[in-house]
Protein backbone atom coordinates (compact mmCIF):
# COMPACT_ATOMS: atom_id res chain seq x y z
CA MET A 1 0.00 0.00 0.00
CA PHE A 2 1.11 3.54 0.63
CA SER A 3 4.55 4.02 2.16
CA GLY A 4 4.97 7.64 1.20
CA ALA A 5 7.73 6.88 -1.29
CA GLU A 6 5.67 5.68 -4.23
CA ALA A 7 2.53 6.71 -6.04
CA TRP A 8 -0.70 4.85 -5.37
CA PRO A 9 -1.56 2.21 -7.98
CA HIS A 10 -4.61 4.09 -9.27
CA GLN A 11 -2.63 7.33 -9.72
CA GLY A 12 -0.59 6.10 -12.65
CA ALA A 13 2.15 8.59 -13.44
CA LYS A 14 1.15 11.16 -10.83
CA ALA A 15 3.87 12.31 -8.49
CA ALA A 16 4.26 10.52 -5.16
CA ARG A 17 2.94 12.28 -2.08
CA THR A 18 3.92 11.88 1.53
CA VAL A 19 0.37 11.75 2.91
CA PRO A 20 -2.59 10.11 1.18
CA SER A 21 -5.79 12.08 0.89
CA ASN A 22 -8.89 10.98 2.77
CA ARG A 23 -10.42 9.92 -0.54
CA GLU A 24 -7.46 7.68 -1.34
CA MET A 25 -7.54 6.10 2.10
CA PHE A 26 -11.26 5.36 1.77
CA GLU A 27 -10.79 3.93 -1.74
CA LEU A 28 -8.22 1.48 -0.43
CA LEU A 29 -10.35 0.62 2.60
CA ASP A 30 -13.21 -0.06 0.18
CA ALA A 31 -10.90 -2.45 -1.71
CA ASP A 32 -10.05 -4.23 1.54
CA LEU A 33 -13.71 -4.51 2.50
CA PHE A 34 -14.75 -5.67 -0.96
CA LEU A 35 -12.24 -8.52 -1.04
CA ALA A 36 -12.88 -9.45 2.61
CA ASN A 37 -16.61 -9.64 1.81
CA GLN A 38 -15.89 -11.89 -1.18
CA LEU A 39 -13.88 -14.21 1.08
CA PHE A 40 -16.73 -14.23 3.60
CA ARG A 41 -19.19 -15.19 0.87
CA TYR A 42 -16.96 -18.20 0.14
CA GLY A 43 -16.97 -19.15 3.83
CA VAL A 44 -13.66 -17.58 4.92
CA PRO A 45 -13.98 -15.48 8.10
CA HIS A 46 -13.23 -11.92 7.03
CA MET A 47 -12.49 -10.31 10.38
CA ALA A 48 -8.97 -11.76 10.45
CA ALA A 49 -7.90 -9.14 7.89
CA PHE A 50 -9.00 -6.37 10.24
CA ALA A 51 -7.93 -7.87 13.60
CA GLY A 52 -6.14 -5.39 15.85
CA THR A 53 -4.73 -2.08 14.72
CA THR A 54 -3.67 -2.50 11.11
CA THR A 55 -2.29 -0.59 8.20
CA GLY A 56 -3.45 -0.91 4.64
CA SER A 57 -0.41 -2.98 3.72
CA VAL A 58 -1.06 -5.40 6.61
CA ARG A 59 -4.69 -5.83 5.53
CA ARG A 60 -3.64 -6.34 1.89
CA GLU A 61 -1.15 -9.05 2.85
CA ARG A 62 -3.66 -10.77 5.14
CA ILE A 63 -6.26 -10.77 2.36
CA ARG A 64 -3.66 -12.07 -0.11
CA ARG A 65 -2.75 -14.87 2.31
CA GLU A 66 -6.41 -15.81 2.89
CA ILE A 67 -7.24 -15.94 -0.83
CA LEU A 68 -4.24 -18.17 -1.53
CA ALA A 69 -4.71 -20.37 1.58
CA ALA A 70 -8.33 -21.04 0.63
CA GLY A 71 -7.37 -21.76 -3.00
CA LEU A 72 -9.74 -19.04 -4.22
CA ASP A 73 -7.39 -17.19 -6.57
CA GLU A 74 -9.32 -18.37 -9.65
CA ALA A 75 -12.76 -18.26 -7.98
CA PRO A 76 -15.20 -15.85 -9.60
CA VAL A 77 -16.18 -12.61 -7.89
CA LEU A 78 -19.69 -13.17 -6.60
CA GLY A 79 -22.38 -10.67 -7.53
CA GLY A 80 -20.65 -9.39 -10.67
CA SER A 81 -22.20 -8.09 -13.85
CA ARG A 82 -24.15 -10.46 -16.08
CA ASP A 83 -23.05 -8.47 -19.13
CA ARG A 84 -19.41 -9.57 -19.04
CA PRO A 85 -17.37 -12.62 -18.05
CA PRO A 86 -16.84 -13.00 -14.30
CA GLU A 87 -13.71 -11.54 -12.79
CA THR A 88 -11.59 -13.83 -10.61
CA LEU A 89 -10.49 -12.89 -7.09
CA SER A 90 -6.94 -12.79 -8.43
CA GLY A 91 -8.02 -10.34 -11.13
CA ALA A 92 -9.94 -8.21 -8.63
CA PHE A 93 -6.91 -8.12 -6.31
CA THR A 94 -4.69 -6.94 -9.18
CA ARG A 95 -7.23 -4.34 -10.33
CA LEU A 96 -7.80 -2.95 -6.84
CA TYR A 97 -4.22 -2.95 -5.54
CA GLY A 98 -2.25 -2.52 -8.76
CA GLU A 99 -0.09 -5.58 -8.09
CA PRO A 100 -0.50 -9.28 -8.85
CA LEU A 101 -1.90 -11.62 -6.23
CA ILE A 102 0.91 -14.07 -6.87
CA GLY A 103 4.21 -12.61 -7.71
């Protein structure tokens, strides 16, 4: 996630900042909650990602670990659009965090 030294994944070529905006923090929290909810829908307890005081990078790594441990990397995102092929949890992770699930 955000360390202050690099740009956020969704910013593209924008210059790095030292403090994320509130909007950026909420966008990344939404990503965490979205993936945790998907795990919950597959029967994986989602509160483990948010246990204790965490940072975005800790939550991201916990979610990554849970997806891989449950073997759900190629599982479809539940509740997606009927107009296009389903996205996998691996694809959603990459889209939301700007880095591959496995890598």
